[in-house]
Amino acid sequence: MADRLKVAAVQLKVVSANKKENVAHALALLGTCSSTSPRVICLPELFSTPYFAVTETQERFELAETIPGPTTDVLGQMARQLNAYISGSIFESDPSDGSYYNCAFLIEPGGTVLGKYRKVHCPFVNYGGRYLNEKYYFRPGNLGFPVFPLDQTKAGMLICYDRSFAESWRCLAVKGAELVLVPTTSSGWRSESWEFGLRTKALENNVFIIAANRVGKETFYREGFPPFYGSSLIIGPLGNVLAKADAESEQIISAELDFEELAEARRRNEFLRDWRPEAYDAYADAYAKLCPETGVVNPSLLLSGEVKTPSGPSSRERR
């Protein structure tokens, strides 16, 4: 594979309260990607259901399913058809302990689930006409911030609100991620941080970003909730916008990622080489207060597990 990668973000509207109909709608949109042949495609967060966290009802737990499961199985068939990686997030049930998560998946071109990431930061919002409570439905993710092989690069995933926490990005970057997929469902709460924040995170960590949001006003579970604002993005490693969707319509945006650009960005900005986790005492102090039985820990372990601070250019250039 050349040092270029075609990618796409699917910006869609949830058309029904019926999960099968929404999955069918997503599959139809994915099918149109065959004309541009992207290798990586990102769907929005919880794309198969209306955004149910605007209410707190036991009935919504019936929407959850396993990963692998029915939705990832049919997406796997599409991945084989398109010869592409497909990512997104769904409401996951874990039968091992009865827990529920907002879980992103990465399906490889052969159709199997390559890996998954469970949303770590679950918001509660009661502000400006918006009420949502993801804490009612989802446990905080317990898989850390994994990174997965993707052709000749490595990819990580964050889900919506996770993008607001700098530590999430740095954990992925120090583990070698060069591409971060960000399935999102946002109605404009803190919309000022959307493009500005993602471009900043791309620059600070010198990574490519594919961020897919949904559009449209949903009244399936609650009247009066603001519409989702779309504006899906593909961003380069210097914070440059490679593609952007509008705020109102279903769209598929695409771009070709040039990994020479990433190597140059990391030569120009040696953020990972000069990162000094052992100096960030506030992290260790805060962790010690939250977990006094552990005492003060090495901040590098707190942030991302046992990692060595990488140096030099991208992993792609070192190969």
Protein backbone atom coordinates (compact mmCIF):
# COMPACT_ATOMS: atom_id res chain seq x y z
CA MET A 1 0.00 0.00 0.00
CA ALA A 2 1.25 3.50 -0.86
CA ASP A 3 1.61 6.16 1.80
CA ARG A 4 -1.86 7.43 1.00
CA LEU A 5 -5.21 6.33 2.38
CA LYS A 6 -8.68 7.16 1.08
CA VAL A 7 -11.15 7.79 3.90
CA ALA A 8 -14.76 8.90 4.30
CA ALA A 9 -17.20 10.09 6.94
CA VAL A 10 -20.91 9.31 6.63
CA GLN A 11 -23.13 12.09 7.95
CA LEU A 12 -26.64 10.72 8.28
CA LYS A 13 -30.08 11.30 9.72
CA VAL A 14 -31.74 8.68 11.88
CA VAL A 15 -34.95 7.94 10.01
CA SER A 16 -36.91 5.74 12.41
CA ALA A 17 -37.35 4.49 15.94
CA ASN A 18 -36.83 1.03 14.44
CA LYS A 19 -33.22 -0.10 14.65
CA LYS A 20 -33.39 -2.36 11.59
CA GLU A 21 -34.66 0.51 9.44
CA ASN A 22 -31.84 2.76 10.61
CA VAL A 23 -29.23 0.10 9.91
CA ALA A 24 -30.72 -0.42 6.44
CA HIS A 25 -30.53 3.34 5.85
CA ALA A 26 -26.88 3.40 6.92
CA LEU A 27 -26.13 0.44 4.64
CA ALA A 28 -27.70 2.25 1.70
CA LEU A 29 -25.48 5.27 2.31
CA LEU A 30 -22.43 3.06 2.74
CA GLY A 31 -23.25 1.40 -0.56
CA THR A 32 -22.81 4.70 -2.37
CA CYS A 33 -19.19 4.81 -1.16
CA SER A 34 -18.27 2.25 -3.80
CA SER A 35 -17.93 5.04 -6.36
CA THR A 36 -15.00 6.62 -4.46
CA SER A 37 -13.54 3.40 -2.96
CA PRO A 38 -12.53 4.68 0.49
CA ARG A 39 -10.45 2.27 2.56
CA VAL A 40 -11.76 3.62 5.89
CA ILE A 41 -15.33 4.78 6.60
CA CYS A 42 -16.64 6.30 9.83
CA LEU A 43 -20.32 6.32 10.81
CA PRO A 44 -21.76 8.55 13.59
CA GLU A 45 -22.18 7.61 17.23
CA LEU A 46 -25.23 5.42 18.00
CA PHE A 47 -26.17 5.61 14.32
CA SER A 48 -28.64 2.70 14.52
CA THR A 49 -30.98 4.33 17.04
CA PRO A 50 -32.52 7.67 17.85
CA TYR A 51 -30.53 9.46 20.52
CA PHE A 52 -32.30 7.90 23.48
CA ALA A 53 -30.29 9.53 26.29
CA VAL A 54 -32.70 12.48 26.19
CA THR A 55 -34.99 10.36 28.39
CA GLU A 56 -34.47 7.86 31.19
CA THR A 57 -36.55 4.77 30.54
CA GLN A 58 -35.93 1.07 31.08
CA GLU A 59 -37.42 0.27 27.67
CA ARG A 60 -34.43 1.80 25.87
CA PHE A 61 -32.16 -0.94 27.20
CA GLU A 62 -33.90 -3.23 24.71
CA LEU A 63 -31.93 -1.43 21.99
CA ALA A 64 -28.63 -2.82 23.24
CA GLU A 65 -26.85 -5.73 21.56
CA THR A 66 -23.54 -7.54 21.69
CA ILE A 67 -20.41 -6.83 19.65
CA PRO A 68 -20.00 -8.91 17.55
CA GLY A 69 -23.74 -9.08 17.01
CA PRO A 70 -26.51 -8.44 14.47
CA THR A 71 -25.48 -4.90 13.50
CA THR A 72 -21.76 -5.56 13.19
CA ASP A 73 -22.54 -8.75 11.27
CA VAL A 74 -24.39 -6.90 8.50
CA LEU A 75 -21.78 -4.13 8.51
CA GLY A 76 -19.18 -6.85 8.11
CA GLN A 77 -20.88 -7.94 4.91
CA MET A 78 -20.72 -4.36 3.66
CA ALA A 79 -17.06 -4.10 4.67
CA ARG A 80 -16.31 -7.13 2.50
CA GLN A 81 -18.29 -5.68 -0.37
CA LEU A 82 -16.47 -2.34 -0.17
CA ASN A 83 -13.10 -3.81 0.82
CA ALA A 84 -13.01 -1.21 3.57
CA TYR A 85 -12.68 -0.73 7.30
CA ILE A 86 -15.94 0.50 8.88
CA SER A 87 -16.26 2.21 12.26
CA GLY A 88 -19.12 3.67 14.29
CA SER A 89 -20.72 3.15 17.67
CA ILE A 90 -23.78 1.33 19.01
CA PHE A 91 -25.45 0.59 22.34
CA GLU A 92 -23.58 -2.48 23.59
CA SER A 93 -24.66 -5.06 26.12
CA ASP A 94 -22.00 -7.19 27.79
CA PRO A 95 -23.57 -10.55 28.71
CA SER A 96 -20.57 -11.46 30.88
CA ASP A 97 -21.69 -9.11 33.66
CA GLY A 98 -24.89 -7.45 32.45
CA SER A 99 -23.22 -4.09 31.83
CA TYR A 100 -24.06 -1.59 29.09
CA TYR A 101 -21.71 0.65 27.13
CA ASN A 102 -21.57 3.15 24.32
CA CYS A 103 -19.15 1.14 22.22
CA ALA A 104 -17.25 1.95 19.04
CA PHE A 105 -16.21 -0.88 16.74
CA LEU A 106 -13.68 -1.25 13.96
CA ILE A 107 -14.57 -3.84 11.32
CA GLU A 108 -11.79 -4.93 8.97
CA PRO A 109 -12.25 -5.48 5.22
CA GLY A 110 -12.67 -9.21 5.73
CA GLY A 111 -15.83 -8.49 7.71
CA THR A 112 -14.76 -9.36 11.26
CA VAL A 113 -14.62 -7.02 14.25
CA LEU A 114 -10.98 -6.03 14.58
CA GLY A 115 -11.51 -4.27 17.89
CA LYS A 116 -13.72 -2.05 19.99
CA TYR A 117 -13.52 0.93 22.31
CA ARG A 118 -15.99 1.78 25.06
CA LYS A 119 -16.75 5.45 25.67
CA VAL A 120 -14.90 6.59 28.79
CA HIS A 121 -16.51 10.00 29.38
CA CYS A 122 -20.32 9.81 29.62
CA PRO A 123 -21.96 13.26 29.87
CA PHE A 124 -24.88 14.61 31.83
CA VAL A 125 -26.27 17.89 30.46
CA ASN A 126 -29.07 20.10 31.73
CA TYR A 127 -28.40 23.41 30.04
CA GLY A 128 -29.91 25.71 27.43
CA GLY A 129 -32.91 23.53 26.65
CA ARG A 130 -30.82 20.41 26.40
CA TYR A 131 -31.28 17.55 28.79
CA LEU A 132 -29.40 14.31 28.35
CA ASN A 133 -28.10 11.71 30.74
CA GLU A 134 -25.77 9.12 29.27
CA LYS A 135 -24.77 8.07 32.78
CA TYR A 136 -28.19 6.46 33.15
CA TYR A 137 -27.49 4.07 30.27
CA PHE A 138 -23.74 3.59 29.98
CA ARG A 139 -20.99 2.55 32.31
CA PRO A 140 -17.68 4.36 31.72
CA GLY A 141 -15.54 2.35 29.33
CA ASN A 142 -13.19 -0.23 30.81
CA LEU A 143 -11.01 -1.04 27.80
CA GLY A 144 -8.65 1.92 28.09
CA PHE A 145 -7.65 3.63 24.86
CA PRO A 146 -6.70 0.81 22.47
CA VAL A 147 -4.94 1.26 19.15
CA PHE A 148 -5.47 -1.12 16.24
CA PRO A 149 -3.44 -1.99 13.12
CA LEU A 150 -5.01 -0.58 9.98
CA ASP A 151 -3.10 -1.44 6.82
CA GLN A 152 0.30 0.23 7.26
CA THR A 153 -0.85 2.62 9.98
CA LYS A 154 -2.48 2.46 13.41
CA ALA A 155 -5.89 3.81 14.39
CA GLY A 156 -7.63 4.65 17.63
CA MET A 157 -11.22 5.59 18.39
CA LEU A 158 -12.87 8.18 20.62
CA ILE A 159 -16.61 8.79 20.94
CA CYS A 160 -18.14 12.28 20.92
CA TYR A 161 -17.56 13.80 24.42
CA ASP A 162 -14.25 11.92 24.71
CA ARG A 163 -12.81 14.41 22.25
CA SER A 164 -12.91 17.11 24.95
CA PHE A 165 -10.28 15.43 27.12
CA ALA A 166 -6.69 16.02 26.07
CA GLU A 167 -5.47 12.92 27.89
CA SER A 168 -7.58 10.69 25.64
CA TRP A 169 -5.76 11.93 22.57
CA ARG A 170 -2.32 11.74 24.11
CA CYS A 171 -2.93 8.15 25.23
CA LEU A 172 -3.68 7.21 21.62
CA ALA A 173 -0.74 9.19 20.26
CA VAL A 174 1.85 7.61 22.57
CA LYS A 175 0.53 4.19 21.61
CA GLY A 176 1.29 4.94 17.98
CA ALA A 177 -2.07 6.09 16.58
CA GLU A 178 -1.72 8.09 13.38
CA LEU A 179 -5.47 8.16 12.65
CA VAL A 180 -8.28 8.76 15.16
CA LEU A 181 -11.91 7.94 14.34
CA VAL A 182 -14.48 10.02 16.22
CA PRO A 183 -18.11 8.86 15.79
CA THR A 184 -20.28 11.63 17.21
CA THR A 185 -23.87 12.57 17.97
CA SER A 186 -23.95 16.25 18.87
CA SER A 187 -26.84 18.70 18.89
CA GLY A 188 -24.73 21.81 19.31
CA TRP A 189 -24.00 21.71 23.02
CA ARG A 190 -20.57 23.32 23.07
CA SER A 191 -20.63 23.46 19.27
CA GLU A 192 -17.99 26.16 19.43
CA SER A 193 -15.54 23.44 20.46
CA TRP A 194 -16.30 21.14 17.53
CA GLU A 195 -14.13 22.26 14.62
CA PHE A 196 -11.82 24.41 16.74
CA GLY A 197 -11.29 21.63 19.28
CA LEU A 198 -10.74 18.86 16.74
CA ARG A 199 -8.29 20.91 14.70
CA THR A 200 -6.39 21.71 17.88
CA LYS A 201 -6.23 18.07 18.96
CA ALA A 202 -5.03 17.05 15.50
CA LEU A 203 -2.24 19.61 15.67
CA GLU A 204 -1.24 18.91 19.27
CA ASN A 205 -0.89 15.19 18.59
CA ASN A 206 -0.08 15.29 14.87
CA VAL A 207 -2.76 12.80 13.88
CA PHE A 208 -5.37 12.53 11.15
CA ILE A 209 -8.99 12.70 12.35
CA ILE A 210 -12.23 11.43 10.83
CA ALA A 211 -15.19 12.83 12.80
CA ALA A 212 -18.70 11.83 11.69
CA ASN A 213 -21.75 13.55 13.20
CA ARG A 214 -25.46 13.07 12.51
CA VAL A 215 -27.97 15.66 11.29
CA GLY A 216 -31.66 16.38 11.66
CA LYS A 217 -34.21 16.94 14.38
CA GLU A 218 -35.40 13.86 16.28
CA THR A 219 -38.72 13.73 18.07
CA PHE A 220 -38.96 9.97 18.58
CA TYR A 221 -38.36 10.11 22.33
CA ARG A 222 -38.63 13.77 23.24
CA GLU A 223 -40.09 16.91 21.68
CA GLY A 224 -38.09 20.11 21.61
CA PHE A 225 -34.57 18.66 21.61
CA PRO A 226 -32.36 20.76 19.30
CA PRO A 227 -31.38 19.33 15.90
CA PHE A 228 -28.05 17.65 15.38
CA TYR A 229 -25.67 19.95 13.57
CA GLY A 230 -23.67 17.73 11.24
CA SER A 231 -20.50 19.56 10.12
CA SER A 232 -18.57 16.27 9.91
CA LEU A 233 -14.84 16.73 9.40
CA ILE A 234 -11.70 15.09 8.07
CA ILE A 235 -8.63 16.84 9.46
CA GLY A 236 -4.92 16.67 8.73
CA PRO A 237 -2.07 16.40 11.26
CA LEU A 238 -1.38 20.15 11.27
CA GLY A 239 -5.00 20.93 12.06
CA ASN A 240 -5.85 21.56 8.42
CA VAL A 241 -9.38 20.76 7.26
CA LEU A 242 -9.32 18.25 4.41
CA ALA A 243 -13.09 17.91 4.04
CA LYS A 244 -16.16 19.32 5.80
CA ALA A 245 -19.89 18.59 5.55
CA ASP A 246 -22.65 21.16 5.96
CA ALA A 247 -24.82 21.48 9.05
CA GLU A 248 -28.14 20.23 7.69
CA SER A 249 -28.01 17.48 5.06
CA GLU A 250 -26.95 13.89 4.77
CA GLN A 251 -23.55 13.79 3.11
CA ILE A 252 -20.55 11.59 2.60
CA ILE A 253 -17.30 13.51 2.72
CA SER A 254 -14.01 12.00 1.66
CA ALA A 255 -10.32 12.80 1.47
CA GLU A 256 -7.02 11.15 0.70
CA LEU A 257 -4.65 11.11 3.66
CA ASP A 258 -1.00 11.70 2.76
CA PHE A 259 1.26 10.14 5.37
CA GLU A 260 4.25 12.09 4.14
CA GLU A 261 2.33 15.08 5.50
CA LEU A 262 2.10 13.32 8.86
CA ALA A 263 5.83 12.52 8.89
CA GLU A 264 6.61 16.15 8.10
CA ALA A 265 4.24 17.33 10.84
CA ARG A 266 6.04 15.16 13.40
CA ARG A 267 9.45 16.36 12.24
CA ARG A 268 8.22 19.92 12.56
CA ASN A 269 6.53 19.44 15.94
CA GLU A 270 8.33 17.07 18.28
CA PHE A 271 5.49 16.99 20.79
CA LEU A 272 5.78 13.29 21.50
CA ARG A 273 9.55 13.39 21.84
CA ASP A 274 9.40 16.28 24.30
CA TRP A 275 6.36 15.10 26.28
CA ARG A 276 7.38 14.63 29.96
CA PRO A 277 4.67 12.72 31.85
CA GLU A 278 6.87 12.31 34.93
CA ALA A 279 6.78 16.09 35.41
CA TYR A 280 3.00 16.41 35.52
CA ASP A 281 2.58 16.06 39.26
CA ALA A 282 -1.03 17.26 39.23
CA TYR A 283 -2.10 14.00 37.62
CA ALA A 284 -0.44 11.89 40.28
CA ASP A 285 -1.78 14.10 43.07
CA ALA A 286 -5.33 13.93 41.75
CA TYR A 287 -5.14 10.18 41.27
CA ALA A 288 -3.77 9.67 44.78
CA LYS A 289 -6.71 11.61 46.23
CA LEU A 290 -9.22 9.57 44.24
CA CYS A 291 -7.47 6.28 45.02
CA PRO A 292 -5.64 6.80 48.34
CA GLU A 293 -4.94 3.10 48.74
CA THR A 294 -2.61 3.23 45.75
CA GLY A 295 -0.57 6.22 46.85
CA VAL A 296 1.16 8.47 44.35
CA VAL A 297 1.65 6.77 41.01
CA ASN A 298 3.82 7.42 38.01
CA PRO A 299 1.74 9.77 35.81
CA SER A 300 2.78 7.91 32.69
CA LEU A 301 1.08 4.80 34.06
CA LEU A 302 -1.97 6.85 34.96
CA LEU A 303 -2.27 8.30 31.51
CA SER A 304 -1.80 5.32 29.28
CA GLY A 305 -0.42 2.26 31.00
CA GLU A 306 3.17 1.21 30.75
CA VAL A 307 4.40 3.24 27.83
CA LYS A 308 7.70 4.66 26.74
CA THR A 309 7.62 8.19 25.42
CA PRO A 310 8.19 7.83 21.68
CA SER A 311 10.60 10.01 19.78
CA GLY A 312 11.30 10.98 16.23
CA PRO A 313 8.99 10.87 13.19
CA SER A 314 5.94 8.77 12.58
CA SER A 315 6.01 4.99 12.81
CA ARG A 316 5.26 4.89 9.08
CA GLU A 317 8.48 6.77 8.28
CA ARG A 318 10.52 4.52 10.56
CA ARG A 319 9.43 1.38 8.67
